[in-house]
C-alpha atoms as a PDB file:
ATOM      1  CA  MET A   1      81.511 113.417  70.500  1.00  0.00           C
ATOM      2  CA  THR A   2      80.141 114.963  66.834  1.00  0.00           C
ATOM      3  CA  SER A   3      78.890 112.873  64.513  1.00  0.00           C
ATOM      4  CA  THR A   4      77.220 113.256  61.285  1.00  0.00           C
ATOM      5  CA  VAL A   5      75.654 109.825  60.655  1.00  0.00           C
ATOM      6  CA  ASP A   6      73.202 108.523  57.754  1.00  0.00           C
ATOM      7  CA  ARG A   7      70.763 105.614  58.111  1.00  0.00           C
ATOM      8  CA  ILE A   8      71.036 105.105  61.869  1.00  0.00           C
ATOM      9  CA  VAL A   9      68.629 105.525  64.007  1.00  0.00           C
ATOM     10  CA  PRO A  10      68.553 104.765  67.926  1.00  0.00           C
ATOM     11  CA  VAL A  11      65.650 102.547  69.071  1.00  0.00           C
ATOM     12  CA  ASP A  12      65.949 103.337  72.694  1.00  0.00           C
ATOM     13  CA  ARG A  13      67.114 106.030  75.093  1.00  0.00           C
ATOM     14  CA  VAL A  14      70.819 105.595  75.227  1.00  0.00           C
ATOM     15  CA  SER A  15      71.974 104.135  78.958  1.00  0.00           C
ATOM     16  CA  CYS A  16      74.559 106.107  80.451  1.00  0.00           C
ATOM     17  CA  LEU A  17      76.852 105.904  84.005  1.00  0.00           C
ATOM     18  CA  LYS A  18      79.092 108.475  84.274  1.00  0.00           C
ATOM     19  CA  PHE A  19      81.751 109.029  86.654  1.00  0.00           C
ATOM     20  CA  GLU A  20      84.302 112.193  87.249  1.00  0.00           C
ATOM     21  CA  ARG A  21      86.605 111.573  84.425  1.00  0.00           C
ATOM     22  CA  MET A  22      84.489 108.961  82.499  1.00  0.00           C
ATOM     23  CA  ALA A  23      81.545 108.490  80.523  1.00  0.00           C
ATOM     24  CA  ILE A  24      79.914 105.200  79.294  1.00  0.00           C
ATOM     25  CA  ASP A  25      77.299 104.831  76.988  1.00  0.00           C
ATOM     26  CA  LEU A  26      75.342 102.200  75.604  1.00  0.00           C
ATOM     27  CA  TRP A  27      73.471 102.470  72.135  1.00  0.00           C
ATOM     28  CA  ARG A  28      70.826 100.115  70.290  1.00  0.00           C
ATOM     29  CA  VAL A  29      70.110 101.240  67.090  1.00  0.00           C
ATOM     30  CA  GLU A  30      68.797 100.214  63.816  1.00  0.00           C
ATOM     31  CA  ALA A  31      71.202 100.000  60.791  1.00  0.00           C
ATOM     32  CA  GLY A  32      70.170 100.674  57.194  1.00  0.00           C
ATOM     33  CA  GLN A  33      71.783  99.003  54.031  1.00  0.00           C
ATOM     34  CA  GLY A  34      75.201 101.384  53.730  1.00  0.00           C
ATOM     35  CA  ALA A  35      74.426 102.845  57.358  1.00  0.00           C
ATOM     36  CA  GLY A  36      77.599 104.753  58.286  1.00  0.00           C
ATOM     37  CA  GLY A  37      79.062 108.520  59.199  1.00  0.00           C
ATOM     38  CA  VAL A  38      81.852 110.407  60.686  1.00  0.00           C
ATOM     39  CA  TYR A  39      82.865 110.516  64.042  1.00  0.00           C
ATOM     40  CA  VAL A  40      85.496 112.791  65.974  1.00  0.00           C
ATOM     41  CA  SER A  41      85.642 112.943  69.582  1.00  0.00           C
ATOM     42  CA  PRO A  42      87.774 115.907  72.251  1.00  0.00           C
ATOM     43  CA  ASP A  43      88.813 112.469  74.254  1.00  0.00           C
ATOM     44  CA  PRO A  44      89.946 108.920  73.602  1.00  0.00           C
ATOM     45  CA  ARG A  45      87.488 106.918  72.779  1.00  0.00           C
ATOM     46  CA  PHE A  46      86.567 102.828  72.934  1.00  0.00           C
ATOM     47  CA  VAL A  47      84.108 101.343  70.994  1.00  0.00           C
ATOM     48  CA  VAL A  48      82.840  97.396  71.443  1.00  0.00           C
ATOM     49  CA  LEU A  49      80.053  96.042  68.906  1.00  0.00           C
ATOM     50  CA  PHE A  50      77.760  93.089  70.293  1.00  0.00           C
ATOM     51  CA  ASP A  51      76.380  89.948  68.669  1.00  0.00           C
ATOM     52  CA  GLY A  52      79.794  89.768  65.917  1.00  0.00           C
ATOM     53  CA  ALA A  53      78.763  93.230  64.076  1.00  0.00           C
ATOM     54  CA  LYS A  54      81.599  94.822  62.539  1.00  0.00           C
ATOM     55  CA  ILE A  55      82.813  97.995  61.060  1.00  0.00           C
ATOM     56  CA  ALA A  56      84.658  99.554  58.371  1.00  0.00           C
ATOM     57  CA  LEU A  57      86.647 102.728  59.961  1.00  0.00           C
ATOM     58  CA  ARG A  58      89.212 104.632  58.375  1.00  0.00           C
ATOM     59  CA  PRO A  59      90.617 108.101  59.215  1.00  0.00           C
ATOM     60  CA  THR A  60      89.357 111.391  57.322  1.00  0.00           C
ATOM     61  CA  ASP A  61      92.070 114.015  55.989  1.00  0.00           C
ATOM     62  CA  GLY A  62      90.317 116.427  58.485  1.00  0.00           C
ATOM     63  CA  GLY A  63      88.970 116.988  62.456  1.00  0.00           C
ATOM     64  CA  GLY A  64      85.598 118.030  63.320  1.00  0.00           C
ATOM     65  CA  GLY A  65      83.295 115.395  61.578  1.00  0.00           C
ATOM     66  CA  SER A  66      84.396 116.592  58.044  1.00  0.00           C
ATOM     67  CA  GLY A  67      86.646 115.697  55.368  1.00  0.00           C
ATOM     68  CA  ASN A  68      87.410 113.020  53.106  1.00  0.00           C
ATOM     69  CA  ALA A  69      88.321 109.478  54.155  1.00  0.00           C
ATOM     70  CA  CYS A  70      92.254 108.589  53.572  1.00  0.00           C
ATOM     71  CA  GLY A  71      93.108 104.899  52.999  1.00  0.00           C
ATOM     72  CA  ALA A  72      91.510 101.388  52.745  1.00  0.00           C
ATOM     73  CA  PRO A  73      89.172 100.662  55.371  1.00  0.00           C
ATOM     74  CA  THR A  74      89.512  98.241  58.337  1.00  0.00           C
ATOM     75  CA  ILE A  75      86.822  95.846  59.142  1.00  0.00           C
ATOM     76  CA  CYS A  76      86.707  95.641  63.167  1.00  0.00           C
ATOM     77  CA  SER A  77      84.335  94.884  65.927  1.00  0.00           C
ATOM     78  CA  ALA A  78      86.412  97.163  68.900  1.00  0.00           C
ATOM     79  CA  CYS A  79      88.465  99.887  68.492  1.00  0.00           C
ATOM     80  CA  PHE A  80      90.471 102.462  70.405  1.00  0.00           C
ATOM     81  CA  VAL A  81      90.231 105.786  68.826  1.00  0.00           C
ATOM     82  CA  PRO A  82      93.026 108.783  70.205  1.00  0.00           C
ATOM     83  CA  ALA A  83      91.380 112.120  71.126  1.00  0.00           C
ATOM     84  CA  GLY A  84      90.648 114.750  68.135  1.00  0.00           C
ATOM     85  CA  MET A  85      90.934 111.758  65.566  1.00  0.00           C
ATOM     86  CA  ALA A  86      87.992 112.303  63.149  1.00  0.00           C
ATOM     87  CA  LEU A  87      86.799 108.358  61.739  1.00  0.00           C
ATOM     88  CA  CYS A  88      84.751 107.973  58.782  1.00  0.00           C
ATOM     89  CA  GLY A  89      82.885 104.541  59.096  1.00  0.00           C
ATOM     90  CA  ARG A  90      80.290 102.133  57.374  1.00  0.00           C
ATOM     91  CA  LEU A  91      78.436  99.496  59.172  1.00  0.00           C
ATOM     92  CA  GLU A  92      78.657  95.904  57.851  1.00  0.00           C
ATOM     93  CA  THR A  93      76.016  94.952  59.778  1.00  0.00           C
ATOM     94  CA  VAL A  94      72.349  95.871  58.874  1.00  0.00           C
ATOM     95  CA  GLY A  95      69.429  95.535  61.333  1.00  0.00           C
ATOM     96  CA  TYR A  96      69.348  96.087  64.883  1.00  0.00           C
ATOM     97  CA  LEU A  97      72.615  96.195  66.928  1.00  0.00           C
ATOM     98  CA  GLU A  98      74.243  97.196  70.235  1.00  0.00           C
ATOM     99  CA  HIS A  99      77.068  98.857  71.128  1.00  0.00           C
ATOM    100  CA  ILE A 100      78.991 100.477  74.292  1.00  0.00           C
ATOM    101  CA  ASP A 101      81.383 103.511  73.727  1.00  0.00           C
ATOM    102  CA  ILE A 102      83.589 104.924  76.284  1.00  0.00           C
ATOM    103  CA  HIS A 103      84.821 108.386  76.640  1.00  0.00           C
ATOM    104  CA  VAL A 104      87.874 109.126  79.055  1.00  0.00           C
ATOM    105  CA  GLU A 105      89.435 112.266  79.793  1.00  0.00           C
ATOM    106  CA  GLU A 106      93.357 111.581  78.255  1.00  0.00           C
ATOM    107  CA  GLY A 107      94.927 112.053  81.832  1.00  0.00           C
ATOM    108  CA  GLN A 108      92.908 109.973  83.422  1.00  0.00           C
ATOM    109  CA  LEU A 109      93.194 107.200  80.618  1.00  0.00           C
ATOM    110  CA  ARG A 110      97.242 107.464  81.146  1.00  0.00           C
ATOM    111  CA  ARG A 111      96.448 107.085  84.785  1.00  0.00           C
ATOM    112  CA  ILE A 112      94.548 103.584  84.145  1.00  0.00           C
ATOM    113  CA  VAL A 113      96.886 102.459  81.194  1.00  0.00           C
ATOM    114  CA  GLY A 114     100.460 103.574  82.564  1.00  0.00           C
ATOM    115  CA  GLN A 115     102.860 106.385  80.965  1.00  0.00           C
ATOM    116  CA  SER A 116     104.392 103.904  78.268  1.00  0.00           C
ATOM    117  CA  ALA A 117     101.041 103.234  76.593  1.00  0.00           C
ATOM    118  CA  GLU A 118     101.146 104.543  72.820  1.00  0.00           C
ATOM    119  CA  LEU A 119      97.683 107.413  72.832  1.00  0.00           C
ATOM    120  CA  ASP A 120      98.079 108.607  69.502  1.00  0.00           C
ATOM    121  CA  THR A 121      97.608 105.499  67.445  1.00  0.00           C
ATOM    122  CA  ALA A 122      94.423 104.217  66.569  1.00  0.00           C
ATOM    123  CA  LEU A 123      93.625 100.850  67.423  1.00  0.00           C
ATOM    124  CA  PHE A 124      90.983  98.312  65.038  1.00  0.00           C
ATOM    125  CA  LEU A 125      90.429  94.945  66.874  1.00  0.00           C
ATOM    126  CA  PRO A 126      88.735  91.942  65.506  1.00  0.00           C
ATOM    127  CA  ASP A 127      85.857  89.965  67.894  1.00  0.00           C
ATOM    128  CA  SER A 128      87.514  88.501  70.948  1.00  0.00           C
ATOM    129  CA  VAL A 129      85.774  86.469  73.030  1.00  0.00           C
ATOM    130  CA  GLU A 130      87.423  87.876  76.145  1.00  0.00           C
ATOM    131  CA  LEU A 131      86.707  91.288  75.192  1.00  0.00           C
ATOM    132  CA  ARG A 132      83.422  90.510  74.166  1.00  0.00           C
ATOM    133  CA  ARG A 133      82.364  89.438  78.033  1.00  0.00           C
ATOM    134  CA  LEU A 134      83.807  92.055  79.819  1.00  0.00           C
ATOM    135  CA  SER A 135      82.055  94.446  77.586  1.00  0.00           C
ATOM    136  CA  ALA A 136      78.454  92.419  78.185  1.00  0.00           C
ATOM    137  CA  LEU A 137      79.156  92.578  82.037  1.00  0.00           C
ATOM    138  CA  LEU A 138      79.775  96.370  81.639  1.00  0.00           C
ATOM    139  CA  ALA A 139      76.673  96.711  79.476  1.00  0.00           C
ATOM    140  CA  ASP A 140      74.149  94.918  82.073  1.00  0.00           C
ATOM    141  CA  GLU A 141      75.549  97.618  84.231  1.00  0.00           C
ATOM    142  CA  CYS A 142      74.717 100.597  81.837  1.00  0.00           C
ATOM    143  CA  ARG A 143      71.259  99.146  81.356  1.00  0.00           C
ATOM    144  CA  ARG A 144      70.792  97.838  85.043  1.00  0.00           C
ATOM    145  CA  PRO A 145      73.407  99.570  87.377  1.00  0.00           C
ATOM    146  CA  GLU A 146      72.993  96.972  90.567  1.00  0.00           C
ATOM    147  CA  ARG A 147      76.474  97.421  92.607  1.00  0.00           C
ATOM    148  CA  PRO A 148      78.297 100.442  93.534  1.00  0.00           C
ATOM    149  CA  GLY A 149      79.998 102.744  90.929  1.00  0.00           C
ATOM    150  CA  GLY A 150      83.361 101.604  91.815  1.00  0.00           C
ATOM    151  CA  TYR A 151      82.433  98.047  90.226  1.00  0.00           C
ATOM    152  CA  SER A 152      80.981  99.769  86.909  1.00  0.00           C
ATOM    153  CA  GLU A 153      84.222 101.835  86.800  1.00  0.00           C
ATOM    154  CA  ALA A 154      86.555  98.828  87.304  1.00  0.00           C
ATOM    155  CA  LEU A 155      85.082  96.644  84.523  1.00  0.00           C
ATOM    156  CA  ALA A 156      85.611  99.588  82.048  1.00  0.00           C
ATOM    157  CA  CYS A 157      88.878  99.895  83.167  1.00  0.00           C
ATOM    158  CA  GLY A 158      89.211  96.126  82.249  1.00  0.00           C
ATOM    159  CA  VAL A 159      88.054  96.609  78.849  1.00  0.00           C
ATOM    160  CA  ILE A 160      90.174  99.220  77.985  1.00  0.00           C
ATOM    161  CA  HIS A 161      93.359  97.464  79.135  1.00  0.00           C
ATOM    162  CA  GLU A 162      91.943  94.353  77.482  1.00  0.00           C
ATOM    163  CA  ILE A 163      91.333  96.455  73.891  1.00  0.00           C
ATOM    164  CA  PHE A 164      95.631  97.634  74.842  1.00  0.00           C
ATOM    165  CA  HIS A 165      96.487  94.060  75.334  1.00  0.00           C
ATOM    166  CA  LEU A 166      94.756  92.771  72.201  1.00  0.00           C
ATOM    167  CA  GLY A 167      95.945  95.775  70.266  1.00  0.00           C
ATOM    168  CA  ALA A 168      99.994  95.139  71.576  1.00  0.00           C
ATOM    169  CA  ARG A 169      99.482  91.391  70.399  1.00  0.00           C
ATOM    170  CA  ARG A 170      98.237  92.135  67.253  1.00  0.00           C
ATOM    171  CA  LEU A 171     100.837  94.762  66.120  1.00  0.00           C
ATOM    172  CA  ALA A 172     103.465  92.002  67.643  1.00  0.00           C
ATOM    173  CA  GLU A 173     102.507  89.368  65.632  1.00  0.00           C
ATOM    174  CA  GLN A 174     102.315  91.650  62.542  1.00  0.00           C
ATOM    175  CA  ALA A 175     105.680  93.151  63.120  1.00  0.00           C
ATOM    176  CA  SER A 176     107.748  89.968  63.590  1.00  0.00           C
ATOM    177  CA  PRO A 177     106.057  87.038  61.046  1.00  0.00           C
ATOM    178  CA  ALA A 178     109.511  85.384  60.519  1.00  0.00           C
ATOM    179  CA  TRP A 179     107.128  82.145  60.255  1.00  0.00           C
ATOM    180  CA  LEU A 180     105.701  83.781  57.065  1.00  0.00           C
ATOM    181  CA  ASP A 181     109.256  84.135  55.156  1.00  0.00           C
ATOM    182  CA  GLN A 182     110.047  80.401  55.617  1.00  0.00           C
ATOM    183  CA  VAL A 183     106.617  79.146  54.734  1.00  0.00           C
ATOM    184  CA  MET A 184     107.015  81.361  51.657  1.00  0.00           C
ATOM    185  CA  ASP A 185     110.470  79.860  51.102  1.00  0.00           C
ATOM    186  CA  HIS A 186     109.455  76.520  51.789  1.00  0.00           C
ATOM    187  CA  VAL A 187     106.678  76.825  48.853  1.00  0.00           C
ATOM    188  CA  LEU A 188     109.585  78.129  46.360  1.00  0.00           C
ATOM    189  CA  ASP A 189     111.623  75.529  47.259  1.00  0.00           C
ATOM    190  CA  ARG A 190     109.433  72.581  46.675  1.00  0.00           C
ATOM    191  CA  LEU A 191     107.004  73.854  43.789  1.00  0.00           C
ATOM    192  CA  ASP A 192     107.543  70.597  41.589  1.00  0.00           C
ATOM    193  CA  ARG A 193     105.988  68.474  44.562  1.00  0.00           C
ATOM    194  CA  HIS A 194     102.957  71.124  45.541  1.00  0.00           C
ATOM    195  CA  PRO A 195     103.011  71.276  49.469  1.00  0.00           C
ATOM    196  CA  SER A 196     100.027  70.873  51.121  1.00  0.00           C
ATOM    197  CA  VAL A 197      98.409  73.631  53.435  1.00  0.00           C
ATOM    198  CA  ASP A 198      98.945  71.089  56.469  1.00  0.00           C
ATOM    199  CA  GLU A 199     102.341  70.699  55.663  1.00  0.00           C
ATOM    200  CA  LEU A 200     102.860  74.734  55.485  1.00  0.00           C
ATOM    201  CA  ALA A 201     101.001  74.905  59.009  1.00  0.00           C
ATOM    202  CA  SER A 202     103.990  72.515  60.196  1.00  0.00           C
ATOM    203  CA  VAL A 203     106.775  75.065  59.090  1.00  0.00           C
ATOM    204  CA  ALA A 204     104.687  78.161  60.515  1.00  0.00           C
ATOM    205  CA  GLY A 205     104.356  75.770  63.660  1.00  0.00           C
ATOM    206  CA  MET A 206     100.689  76.458  64.058  1.00  0.00           C
ATOM    207  CA  SER A 207      97.201  74.556  64.237  1.00  0.00           C
ATOM    208  CA  ARG A 208      95.842  74.374  60.145  1.00  0.00           C
ATOM    209  CA  SER A 209      92.879  76.565  61.328  1.00  0.00           C
ATOM    210  CA  ARG A 210      95.322  79.217  62.879  1.00  0.00           C
ATOM    211  CA  PHE A 211      97.686  79.174  59.788  1.00  0.00           C
ATOM    212  CA  SER A 212      94.972  79.542  57.187  1.00  0.00           C
ATOM    213  CA  ARG A 213      93.385  82.757  59.553  1.00  0.00           C
ATOM    214  CA  ARG A 214      97.086  84.410  60.062  1.00  0.00           C
ATOM    215  CA  PHE A 215      98.294  83.833  56.418  1.00  0.00           C
ATOM    216  CA  LYS A 216      95.324  85.486  55.003  1.00  0.00           C
ATOM    217  CA  GLU A 217      95.861  88.111  57.412  1.00  0.00           C
ATOM    218  CA  LEU A 218      99.268  89.026  56.211  1.00  0.00           C
ATOM    219  CA  ALA A 219      99.451  87.516  52.533  1.00  0.00           C
ATOM    220  CA  GLY A 220      95.777  88.798  51.504  1.00  0.00           C
ATOM    221  CA  LEU A 221      95.133  85.492  50.239  1.00  0.00           C
ATOM    222  CA  PRO A 222      94.242  81.923  51.294  1.00  0.00           C
ATOM    223  CA  PRO A 223      97.472  79.789  51.375  1.00  0.00           C
ATOM    224  CA  HIS A 224      96.220  77.461  48.904  1.00  0.00           C
ATOM    225  CA  GLN A 225      95.423  80.269  46.266  1.00  0.00           C
ATOM    226  CA  TRP A 226      98.689  81.785  46.984  1.00  0.00           C
ATOM    227  CA  VAL A 227     100.450  78.729  46.203  1.00  0.00           C
ATOM    228  CA  MET A 228      98.420  78.211  42.898  1.00  0.00           C
ATOM    229  CA  GLY A 229      99.403  82.035  42.297  1.00  0.00           C
ATOM    230  CA  THR A 230     103.030  81.218  42.960  1.00  0.00           C
ATOM    231  CA  ARG A 231     102.927  78.037  40.798  1.00  0.00           C
ATOM    232  CA  ILE A 232     101.490  79.926  37.757  1.00  0.00           C
ATOM    233  CA  LYS A 233     103.958  82.517  38.102  1.00  0.00           C
ATOM    234  CA  GLN A 234     106.821  79.973  38.206  1.00  0.00           C
ATOM    235  CA  ALA A 235     105.181  78.298  35.114  1.00  0.00           C
ATOM    236  CA  GLN A 236     105.347  82.073  33.487  1.00  0.00           C
ATOM    237  CA  ARG A 237     108.708  82.458  34.055  1.00  0.00           C
ATOM    238  CA  LEU A 238     109.860  79.094  32.314  1.00  0.00           C
ATOM    239  CA  LEU A 239     107.566  79.815  29.295  1.00  0.00           C
ATOM    240  CA  SER A 240     108.983  82.819  28.541  1.00  0.00           C
ATOM    241  CA  GLU A 241     112.313  80.954  28.709  1.00  0.00           C
ATOM    242  CA  GLY A 242     111.252  78.213  26.227  1.00  0.00           C
ATOM    243  CA  ALA A 243     110.908  75.602  28.251  1.00  0.00           C
ATOM    244  CA  LEU A 244     108.439  72.815  26.900  1.00  0.00           C
ATOM    245  CA  LEU A 245     105.373  72.574  28.064  1.00  0.00           C
ATOM    246  CA  SER A 246     105.655  68.991  29.752  1.00  0.00           C
ATOM    247  CA  GLN A 247     108.756  69.758  31.570  1.00  0.00           C
ATOM    248  CA  VAL A 248     106.733  73.117  33.173  1.00  0.00           C
ATOM    249  CA  ALA A 249     104.086  71.216  34.093  1.00  0.00           C
ATOM    250  CA  HIS A 250     106.327  68.734  35.923  1.00  0.00           C
ATOM    251  CA  ASP A 251     108.513  71.579  37.709  1.00  0.00           C
ATOM    252  CA  THR A 252     105.811  73.550  39.075  1.00  0.00           C
ATOM    253  CA  GLY A 253     103.622  70.163  40.565  1.00  0.00           C
ATOM    254  CA  PHE A 254     100.740  69.781  38.105  1.00  0.00           C
ATOM    255  CA  ALA A 255      99.780  66.187  37.917  1.00  0.00           C
ATOM    256  CA  ASP A 256     100.183  66.321  34.254  1.00  0.00           C
ATOM    257  CA  GLN A 257     100.255  68.388  30.960  1.00  0.00           C
ATOM    258  CA  ALA A 258      95.975  68.804  30.801  1.00  0.00           C
ATOM    259  CA  HIS A 259      95.402  69.359  34.627  1.00  0.00           C
ATOM    260  CA  PHE A 260      98.670  72.528  33.997  1.00  0.00           C
ATOM    261  CA  SER A 261      96.704  73.690  31.549  1.00  0.00           C
ATOM    262  CA  ARG A 262      93.348  73.606  32.828  1.00  0.00           C
ATOM    263  CA  CYS A 263      94.666  75.672  36.034  1.00  0.00           C
ATOM    264  CA  PHE A 264      96.832  78.088  33.710  1.00  0.00           C
ATOM    265  CA  ARG A 265      93.766  78.778  32.081  1.00  0.00           C
ATOM    266  CA  HIS A 266      91.635  79.458  35.088  1.00  0.00           C
ATOM    267  CA  ALA A 267      94.372  81.599  36.221  1.00  0.00           C
ATOM    268  CA  THR A 268      95.503  83.765  33.313  1.00  0.00           C
ATOM    269  CA  GLY A 269      92.545  83.527  30.797  1.00  0.00           C
ATOM    270  CA  MET A 270      94.629  82.041  28.182  1.00  0.00           C
ATOM    271  CA  SER A 271      96.271  78.784  27.221  1.00  0.00           C
ATOM    272  CA  PRO A 272      99.596  78.105  28.152  1.00  0.00           C
ATOM    273  CA  GLY A 273     100.566  78.237  24.324  1.00  0.00           C
ATOM    274  CA  ARG A 274      98.763  81.349  23.606  1.00  0.00           C
ATOM    275  CA  TRP A 275     100.474  82.823  26.584  1.00  0.00           C
ATOM    276  CA  THR A 276     103.539  82.338  25.267  1.00  0.00           C
ATOM    277  CA  LYS A 277     103.096  83.461  22.091  1.00  0.00           C
ATOM    278  CA  ARG A 278     101.287  86.928  23.050  1.00  0.00           C
ATOM    279  CA  HIS A 279     104.518  87.188  25.817  1.00  0.00           C
ATOM    280  CA  VAL A 280     107.177  86.438  22.676  1.00  0.00           C
ATOM    281  CA  CYS A 281     105.638  88.860  20.175  1.00  0.00           C
ATOM    282  CA  SER A 282     104.965  91.500  22.939  1.00  0.00           C
ATOM    283  CA  LYS A 283     109.091  91.387  23.975  1.00  0.00           C
ATOM    284  CA  ALA A 284     109.795  91.060  20.022  1.00  0.00           C
END
């Protein structure tokens, strides 16, 4: 692997396990503020960070450990990186941290995960209890191998399978969020009574906590913020059409005109009356 790192200092010798077509490294480093680097490996690579550590990753526009970062970074605790893909990384965690690297020859990886697995697409994953447990067992073997090598190799294969399993589940959830459209339609149909987060979670068929987490991942905002933004946009539309302030407040689910005015000012930086005058003047 080729890497260029900044403000990342190893604090112990790397602990290694080597097999015929696979290598496993356990690193313990000290990361300073803004620590990061650029990494590229000729073989497929799996990385798991421990103790809740996170890294922001994005591909670069060139290989060989150089190039400009492309696109928005993804914050993750584990990842699969295809062979030859250069990544720019920035650690979100400062201080001492451990991570495990698994490097596998592509032919061997294909034998592990099967012919149908997608090996050209990177996977960036959040923390997972199951993955953390498997990786911790593998890290223990890196520190102090106590069992035959086949045990460690099987653990590494388990980590690899778990990463692909989590990646497939995450892609499936993001590819078909039919519940998200149902929730948004439910809000739009009921703006005059301000549906609660519990009500929206029920529409999605999820617990409140899971719904709030998944909604924010997909919509980019917590449910209550998205609902408020939608109510304000509807209020702007009604105001631009000449509706009375009291009617707008009622139709967008606010308790009264004063409550509506406070929320509108907080969201837009101006009162409903001032916003309306500016909007009418800009259209004239």
